[in-house]
Amino acid sequence: MVEVKNLTKRYGQNLALDRVSFTVDEGSIVGFLGPNGAGKTTTMNIITGYLSATSGEVTVFGKNTLEEPNEVKKMIGYLPEQPPLYLDMTVKEYLNFMYELKKVKLPREKHIKEICELVQISNVYNRLIGNLSKGYKQRVGIAQALLGDPKVIILDEPTVGLDPRQIIEIRDLIQSLAESHTVILSSHILSEVQAVCHTILIISGGKLVACDTPENLEKLFAGTTTVELTAECTEAEARSILAPIGAERLTVTGQDDGRCQAVLETGGDDSVCRDIFFAFSRAGRPILRMTTARASLEDIFIELTAGQADAQAEPLADGAEDEEFQLDYDALLEDPGAPGKEDDET
């Protein structure tokens, strides 16, 4: 379990995080959402122990990140938005290098083989990382995060830059990781978060503005239900039939083919469709099509983050810390390698 209490981070006069508190249960997948500069990457870097907080505390399975930093780091696997890869190494060389760097105690050959099979990179094990596609590079990055079998996996924008098929593959991989790990991920793809996450955290301007399941967030922000229907009747008949429903807003448009379209907003839930169906049935007028629309995760996200001005950003932009993280690794090698030529593999 990961517990964050009153986490605050200042960069000089700038407040990047303002008393953020939340709990991540063991075995869950938590989605971390927020506009650019909201504080997502800063929060993740504090949890991993890469950054220190101005105040507040983070505990991972009961161990404090400040009091027992080495123990906490053993329990966390981290994939930054820019994976710390060495492009002139083969996948085999890189994973063995990271195995030694992390001082993993598990049987080397068996452990690395199991991870490669899990993230499906066995077929490129002897290939240069620089020659791999973006999708495979992400998988190699996830593989290094899994070395040492950490209890918590933190993924910062794990599907950025991937094509739709690769996104689906990484999404399936994340869901499989939750069987034996706790997963925290940030993403700008709201449908992805909604599809895989058990809990959603929304941060805006350094403050946590929402923390709940996707279903509960939708119910909380639903407000009104919009119903659109097409019926076989005149405009006047439709208005007469819908009048007892008590819609807050009603628009009816007649058509030349003897049909009409109606859009109404009500303060009720989806059960209003039942009332509409029976109202048209009693009038002997068939409904040809009827759909409902409620607040989506995108609507909720926009509403909760509307107050954060575009100019308000973290002093270190999302990903800036990751570059330093990369440089720390570069210091261990004389030549970190140059970018290679990507092929067409996915």
Protein backbone atom coordinates (compact mmCIF):
# COMPACT_ATOMS: atom_id res chain seq x y z
CA MET A 1 0.00 0.00 0.00
CA VAL A 2 1.20 3.51 -0.84
CA GLU A 3 0.13 6.31 1.48
CA VAL A 4 0.73 9.99 0.71
CA LYS A 5 0.04 12.50 3.49
CA ASN A 6 -0.06 16.29 3.09
CA LEU A 7 2.59 16.25 0.39
CA THR A 8 3.88 19.76 -0.36
CA LYS A 9 6.65 20.77 -2.74
CA ARG A 10 7.98 24.29 -3.29
CA TYR A 11 10.48 25.52 -5.85
CA GLY A 12 11.42 28.90 -4.42
CA GLN A 13 8.22 30.94 -4.43
CA ASN A 14 6.38 28.48 -6.67
CA LEU A 15 4.09 25.92 -5.07
CA ALA A 16 4.15 22.75 -7.18
CA LEU A 17 2.21 20.54 -4.74
CA ASP A 18 -0.20 21.78 -2.09
CA ARG A 19 -0.94 19.29 0.73
CA VAL A 20 -1.75 16.35 -1.52
CA SER A 21 -3.02 13.23 0.27
CA PHE A 22 -4.21 9.89 -1.08
CA THR A 23 -3.89 6.14 -0.54
CA VAL A 24 -3.23 3.45 -3.12
CA ASP A 25 -4.46 0.00 -2.09
CA GLU A 26 -2.41 -3.11 -2.74
CA GLY A 27 -3.15 -4.80 -6.06
CA SER A 28 -5.00 -1.82 -7.55
CA ILE A 29 -4.39 0.21 -10.70
CA VAL A 30 -4.55 3.94 -10.05
CA GLY A 31 -4.71 6.53 -12.82
CA PHE A 32 -3.11 9.91 -12.20
CA LEU A 33 -4.64 12.67 -14.34
CA GLY A 34 -3.95 16.37 -14.66
CA PRO A 35 -3.03 19.11 -17.14
CA ASN A 36 0.60 19.70 -18.08
CA GLY A 37 2.31 21.33 -15.12
CA ALA A 38 -0.29 20.15 -12.61
CA GLY A 39 2.25 18.28 -10.46
CA LYS A 40 1.89 14.67 -11.65
CA THR A 41 5.56 14.00 -12.40
CA THR A 42 6.67 15.83 -9.25
CA THR A 43 4.39 13.60 -7.16
CA MET A 44 5.69 10.46 -8.83
CA ASN A 45 9.32 11.49 -8.36
CA ILE A 46 8.71 12.12 -4.66
CA ILE A 47 7.07 8.70 -4.26
CA THR A 48 10.04 7.03 -5.96
CA GLY A 49 12.46 8.90 -3.71
CA TYR A 50 14.09 10.81 -6.56
CA LEU A 51 12.88 14.17 -5.21
CA SER A 52 12.40 15.25 -1.62
CA ALA A 53 9.23 16.93 -0.43
CA THR A 54 9.14 20.32 1.27
CA SER A 55 6.75 18.82 3.80
CA GLY A 56 4.50 15.82 4.19
CA GLU A 57 5.42 12.16 3.96
CA VAL A 58 5.16 9.11 1.76
CA THR A 59 5.09 5.53 3.05
CA VAL A 60 5.27 2.41 0.91
CA PHE A 61 4.02 -0.70 2.70
CA GLY A 62 4.73 1.01 6.02
CA LYS A 63 8.24 2.22 5.16
CA ASN A 64 8.92 5.96 5.04
CA THR A 65 10.72 7.25 1.94
CA LEU A 66 12.91 9.57 4.03
CA GLU A 67 13.69 7.22 6.90
CA GLU A 68 14.27 4.07 4.82
CA PRO A 69 14.95 5.29 1.27
CA ASN A 70 16.88 2.21 0.13
CA GLU A 71 14.21 -0.17 1.34
CA VAL A 72 11.48 1.85 -0.36
CA LYS A 73 13.36 2.00 -3.66
CA LYS A 74 13.62 -1.79 -3.69
CA MET A 75 9.83 -1.96 -3.59
CA ILE A 76 9.29 0.46 -6.51
CA GLY A 77 9.82 0.03 -10.22
CA TYR A 78 9.72 3.29 -12.19
CA LEU A 79 9.27 4.01 -15.87
CA PRO A 80 9.78 7.75 -16.60
CA GLU A 81 8.08 9.36 -19.57
CA GLN A 82 11.46 9.15 -21.33
CA PRO A 83 12.67 5.58 -20.59
CA PRO A 84 16.32 5.47 -19.40
CA LEU A 85 17.52 3.30 -22.29
CA TYR A 86 20.98 2.92 -23.82
CA LEU A 87 20.48 2.70 -27.54
CA ASP A 88 23.86 1.16 -28.34
CA MET A 89 23.20 -1.80 -26.04
CA THR A 90 21.27 -4.93 -26.92
CA VAL A 91 18.20 -5.71 -24.83
CA LYS A 92 20.19 -8.51 -23.19
CA GLU A 93 23.11 -6.23 -22.30
CA TYR A 94 20.83 -3.51 -20.99
CA LEU A 95 18.71 -5.73 -18.74
CA ASN A 96 21.82 -7.40 -17.33
CA PHE A 97 23.36 -3.98 -16.70
CA MET A 98 20.21 -2.81 -14.91
CA TYR A 99 20.09 -6.07 -12.95
CA GLU A 100 23.54 -5.30 -11.54
CA LEU A 101 22.83 -1.60 -11.04
CA LYS A 102 19.73 -2.41 -8.98
CA LYS A 103 21.61 -5.14 -7.08
CA VAL A 104 18.86 -7.66 -7.68
CA LYS A 105 19.23 -10.85 -5.65
CA LEU A 106 16.88 -13.09 -7.66
CA PRO A 107 18.40 -15.75 -10.00
CA ARG A 108 19.60 -13.63 -12.92
CA GLU A 109 18.90 -15.79 -15.97
CA LYS A 110 15.53 -17.10 -14.80
CA HIS A 111 14.34 -13.71 -13.56
CA ILE A 112 15.25 -11.81 -16.73
CA LYS A 113 13.74 -14.56 -18.90
CA GLU A 114 10.43 -14.40 -17.00
CA ILE A 115 10.27 -10.62 -17.38
CA CYS A 116 11.03 -10.79 -21.11
CA GLU A 117 8.23 -13.31 -21.58
CA LEU A 118 5.83 -11.18 -19.55
CA VAL A 119 6.44 -8.00 -21.55
CA GLN A 120 6.87 -9.96 -24.80
CA ILE A 121 10.39 -8.90 -25.80
CA SER A 122 12.00 -12.36 -25.97
CA ASN A 123 12.05 -12.15 -29.77
CA VAL A 124 14.23 -8.99 -29.67
CA TYR A 125 16.45 -10.04 -26.78
CA ASN A 126 19.63 -9.88 -28.84
CA ARG A 127 18.68 -6.80 -30.88
CA LEU A 128 20.16 -3.31 -30.43
CA ILE A 129 17.71 -1.11 -28.53
CA GLY A 130 18.40 1.73 -30.96
CA ASN A 131 17.00 -0.37 -33.80
CA LEU A 132 13.73 -1.17 -32.04
CA SER A 133 10.41 0.53 -32.65
CA LYS A 134 8.84 2.87 -30.10
CA GLY A 135 6.53 0.10 -28.88
CA TYR A 136 9.37 -2.29 -28.15
CA LYS A 137 11.40 0.45 -26.46
CA GLN A 138 8.48 1.07 -24.10
CA ARG A 139 8.36 -2.64 -23.34
CA VAL A 140 12.09 -2.69 -22.58
CA GLY A 141 11.55 0.30 -20.29
CA ILE A 142 8.80 -1.57 -18.46
CA ALA A 143 11.06 -4.62 -18.23
CA GLN A 144 13.73 -2.63 -16.38
CA ALA A 145 11.06 -1.36 -13.99
CA LEU A 146 10.08 -4.96 -13.21
CA LEU A 147 13.64 -6.07 -12.34
CA GLY A 148 13.80 -7.12 -8.70
CA ASP A 149 10.06 -7.90 -8.66
CA PRO A 150 9.01 -4.62 -6.95
CA LYS A 151 5.63 -4.45 -5.24
CA VAL A 152 4.78 -1.07 -6.79
CA ILE A 153 5.11 -0.13 -10.47
CA ILE A 154 4.97 3.58 -11.39
CA LEU A 155 4.48 4.38 -15.08
CA ASP A 156 4.67 7.97 -16.30
CA GLU A 157 2.85 8.29 -19.66
CA PRO A 158 3.55 4.65 -20.64
CA THR A 159 1.72 4.87 -23.99
CA VAL A 160 2.90 8.28 -25.22
CA GLY A 161 3.86 8.19 -28.89
CA LEU A 162 2.45 4.71 -29.53
CA ASP A 163 0.05 3.76 -32.29
CA PRO A 164 -3.47 2.42 -31.44
CA ARG A 165 -2.44 -1.23 -31.61
CA GLN A 166 0.59 -0.67 -29.38
CA ILE A 167 -1.57 1.25 -26.90
CA ILE A 168 -3.93 -1.72 -26.63
CA GLU A 169 -0.97 -4.08 -26.11
CA ILE A 170 0.54 -1.93 -23.34
CA ARG A 171 -2.93 -1.55 -21.77
CA ASP A 172 -3.30 -5.34 -21.64
CA LEU A 173 0.19 -5.60 -20.15
CA ILE A 174 -0.66 -3.09 -17.41
CA GLN A 175 -3.79 -5.05 -16.50
CA SER A 176 -1.76 -8.25 -16.24
CA LEU A 177 0.79 -6.51 -13.98
CA ALA A 178 -1.98 -5.74 -11.47
CA GLU A 179 -2.29 -9.46 -10.73
CA SER A 180 0.94 -9.31 -8.71
CA HIS A 181 1.78 -5.60 -8.42
CA THR A 182 0.27 -2.27 -7.41
CA VAL A 183 0.31 0.03 -10.45
CA ILE A 184 0.26 3.84 -10.56
CA LEU A 185 0.17 5.41 -13.99
CA SER A 186 -0.25 8.86 -15.45
CA SER A 187 -1.73 9.41 -18.87
CA HIS A 188 -3.35 12.04 -21.05
CA ILE A 189 -5.46 9.38 -22.79
CA LEU A 190 -8.63 9.47 -20.70
CA SER A 191 -10.23 6.44 -22.36
CA GLU A 192 -7.13 4.43 -21.47
CA VAL A 193 -7.33 5.42 -17.81
CA GLN A 194 -11.05 4.70 -17.71
CA ALA A 195 -10.49 1.26 -19.25
CA VAL A 196 -7.76 -0.04 -16.94
CA CYS A 197 -7.85 1.91 -13.65
CA HIS A 198 -9.75 1.01 -10.50
CA THR A 199 -9.28 4.49 -9.02
CA ILE A 200 -8.70 7.87 -10.65
CA LEU A 201 -6.80 10.76 -9.04
CA ILE A 202 -7.17 14.18 -10.68
CA ILE A 203 -4.67 16.89 -9.78
CA SER A 204 -4.92 20.52 -10.83
CA GLY A 205 -2.66 23.40 -9.87
CA GLY A 206 -0.82 21.20 -7.38
CA LYS A 207 -4.01 20.22 -5.54
CA LEU A 208 -5.85 16.92 -5.54
CA VAL A 209 -9.35 17.76 -6.79
CA ALA A 210 -10.83 14.26 -7.16
CA CYS A 211 -10.15 10.71 -5.96
CA ASP A 212 -12.71 8.01 -6.72
CA THR A 213 -13.64 5.16 -9.02
CA PRO A 214 -14.53 6.05 -12.63
CA GLU A 215 -18.12 4.97 -12.01
CA ASN A 216 -18.55 7.12 -8.90
CA LEU A 217 -17.01 10.15 -10.60
CA GLU A 218 -19.48 9.83 -13.45
CA LYS A 219 -22.40 9.58 -11.03
CA LEU A 220 -21.16 12.51 -8.96
CA PHE A 221 -20.80 14.82 -11.95
CA ALA A 222 -23.69 13.51 -14.01
CA GLY A 223 -26.02 16.38 -13.01
CA THR A 224 -28.37 15.97 -15.95
CA THR A 225 -29.25 13.18 -18.34
CA THR A 226 -29.57 14.07 -22.00
CA VAL A 227 -31.93 11.90 -24.05
CA GLU A 228 -32.04 11.98 -27.84
CA LEU A 229 -34.80 10.16 -29.70
CA THR A 230 -36.42 9.77 -33.08
CA ALA A 231 -40.13 8.92 -33.12
CA GLU A 232 -42.78 8.35 -35.77
CA CYS A 233 -45.06 11.31 -35.00
CA THR A 234 -45.53 15.01 -35.66
CA GLU A 235 -43.71 17.76 -33.80
CA ALA A 236 -46.91 18.77 -31.99
CA GLU A 237 -47.58 15.18 -30.90
CA ALA A 238 -44.04 14.78 -29.60
CA ARG A 239 -44.30 17.96 -27.54
CA SER A 240 -47.63 16.81 -26.09
CA ILE A 241 -46.29 13.35 -25.22
CA LEU A 242 -43.10 14.68 -23.61
CA ALA A 243 -44.76 17.52 -21.65
CA PRO A 244 -45.49 15.37 -18.52
CA ILE A 245 -41.85 14.21 -18.36
CA GLY A 246 -40.84 17.59 -16.94
CA ALA A 247 -37.70 18.14 -18.99
CA GLU A 248 -35.46 21.04 -17.98
CA ARG A 249 -34.83 21.70 -21.66
CA LEU A 250 -36.70 20.30 -24.67
CA THR A 251 -36.02 20.68 -28.39
CA VAL A 252 -38.27 19.04 -30.98
CA THR A 253 -37.65 19.12 -34.72
CA GLY A 254 -40.19 17.80 -37.21
CA GLN A 255 -39.19 16.09 -40.47
CA ASP A 256 -40.93 15.75 -43.84
CA ASP A 257 -41.07 11.94 -43.64
CA GLY A 258 -43.51 11.91 -40.74
CA ARG A 259 -40.83 11.57 -38.10
CA CYS A 260 -39.48 13.99 -35.52
CA GLN A 261 -36.37 14.26 -33.45
CA ALA A 262 -36.34 15.35 -29.81
CA VAL A 263 -33.56 16.25 -27.41
CA LEU A 264 -34.39 16.72 -23.74
CA GLU A 265 -32.37 17.27 -20.58
CA THR A 266 -33.68 16.05 -17.25
CA GLY A 267 -32.40 16.10 -13.70
CA GLY A 268 -33.11 12.40 -13.30
CA ASP A 269 -31.06 9.33 -14.13
CA ASP A 270 -31.32 6.87 -17.00
CA SER A 271 -34.68 5.60 -15.67
CA VAL A 272 -36.32 8.59 -17.42
CA CYS A 273 -36.04 6.52 -20.62
CA ARG A 274 -38.59 4.13 -19.17
CA ASP A 275 -41.08 6.97 -18.63
CA ILE A 276 -40.49 8.26 -22.17
CA PHE A 277 -40.98 4.80 -23.66
CA PHE A 278 -44.31 4.22 -21.94
CA ALA A 279 -45.49 7.77 -22.71
CA PHE A 280 -45.03 7.16 -26.46
CA SER A 281 -46.49 3.67 -26.13
CA ARG A 282 -49.69 4.98 -24.56
CA ALA A 283 -49.99 7.51 -27.36
CA GLY A 284 -49.55 4.77 -29.94
CA ARG A 285 -46.48 6.39 -31.45
CA PRO A 286 -43.36 4.22 -31.95
CA ILE A 287 -39.88 5.30 -30.89
CA LEU A 288 -37.44 4.39 -33.66
CA ARG A 289 -34.24 5.32 -31.79
CA MET A 290 -33.36 6.53 -28.30
CA THR A 291 -29.97 7.19 -26.73
CA THR A 292 -28.78 8.75 -23.48
CA ALA A 293 -25.63 10.72 -22.67
CA ARG A 294 -24.16 11.49 -19.26
CA ALA A 295 -21.01 13.20 -18.08
CA SER A 296 -17.94 11.46 -19.49
CA LEU A 297 -14.52 11.28 -17.86
CA GLU A 298 -13.43 13.94 -20.33
CA ASP A 299 -16.25 16.25 -19.17
CA ILE A 300 -15.28 15.65 -15.53
CA PHE A 301 -11.60 16.28 -16.23
CA ILE A 302 -12.31 19.56 -18.03
CA GLU A 303 -14.65 20.74 -15.27
CA LEU A 304 -12.25 19.95 -12.43
CA THR A 305 -9.16 21.41 -14.10
CA ALA A 306 -10.76 24.47 -15.68
CA GLY A 307 -9.33 26.73 -12.98
CA GLN A 308 -5.71 25.98 -13.75
CA ALA A 309 -4.33 28.70 -16.00
CA ASP A 310 -2.26 27.61 -18.95
CA ALA A 311 0.63 29.71 -17.73
CA GLN A 312 0.75 27.92 -14.39
CA ALA A 313 3.31 25.17 -14.71
CA GLU A 314 5.73 23.26 -12.56
CA PRO A 315 9.13 24.94 -12.29
CA LEU A 316 10.45 21.65 -13.63
CA ALA A 317 8.14 20.68 -16.46
CA ASP A 318 6.84 17.14 -16.72
CA GLY A 319 9.73 15.01 -17.89
CA ALA A 320 12.50 17.46 -16.88
CA GLU A 321 13.30 15.39 -13.82
CA ASP A 322 13.41 12.35 -16.04
CA GLU A 323 16.24 13.90 -18.02
CA GLU A 324 18.27 14.23 -14.83
CA PHE A 325 17.39 10.63 -14.04
CA GLN A 326 18.85 9.71 -17.45
CA LEU A 327 21.99 11.73 -16.79
CA ASP A 328 22.60 9.90 -13.52
CA TYR A 329 22.77 6.69 -15.47
CA ASP A 330 24.93 8.27 -18.18
CA ALA A 331 27.54 9.07 -15.55
CA LEU A 332 28.01 5.33 -15.06
CA LEU A 333 28.99 4.81 -18.68
CA GLU A 334 31.66 6.57 -20.71
CA ASP A 335 29.57 6.47 -23.87
CA PRO A 336 25.78 6.32 -23.39
CA GLY A 337 25.29 5.77 -27.12
CA ALA A 338 23.60 7.66 -29.90
CA PRO A 339 20.07 7.26 -31.24
CA GLY A 340 19.76 4.40 -33.68
CA LYS A 341 17.61 3.93 -36.70
CA GLU A 342 14.12 2.67 -35.94
CA ASP A 343 12.68 -0.15 -37.97
CA ASP A 344 9.05 -0.90 -38.68
CA GLU A 345 8.54 -3.45 -35.95
CA THR A 346 5.82 -2.78 -33.38
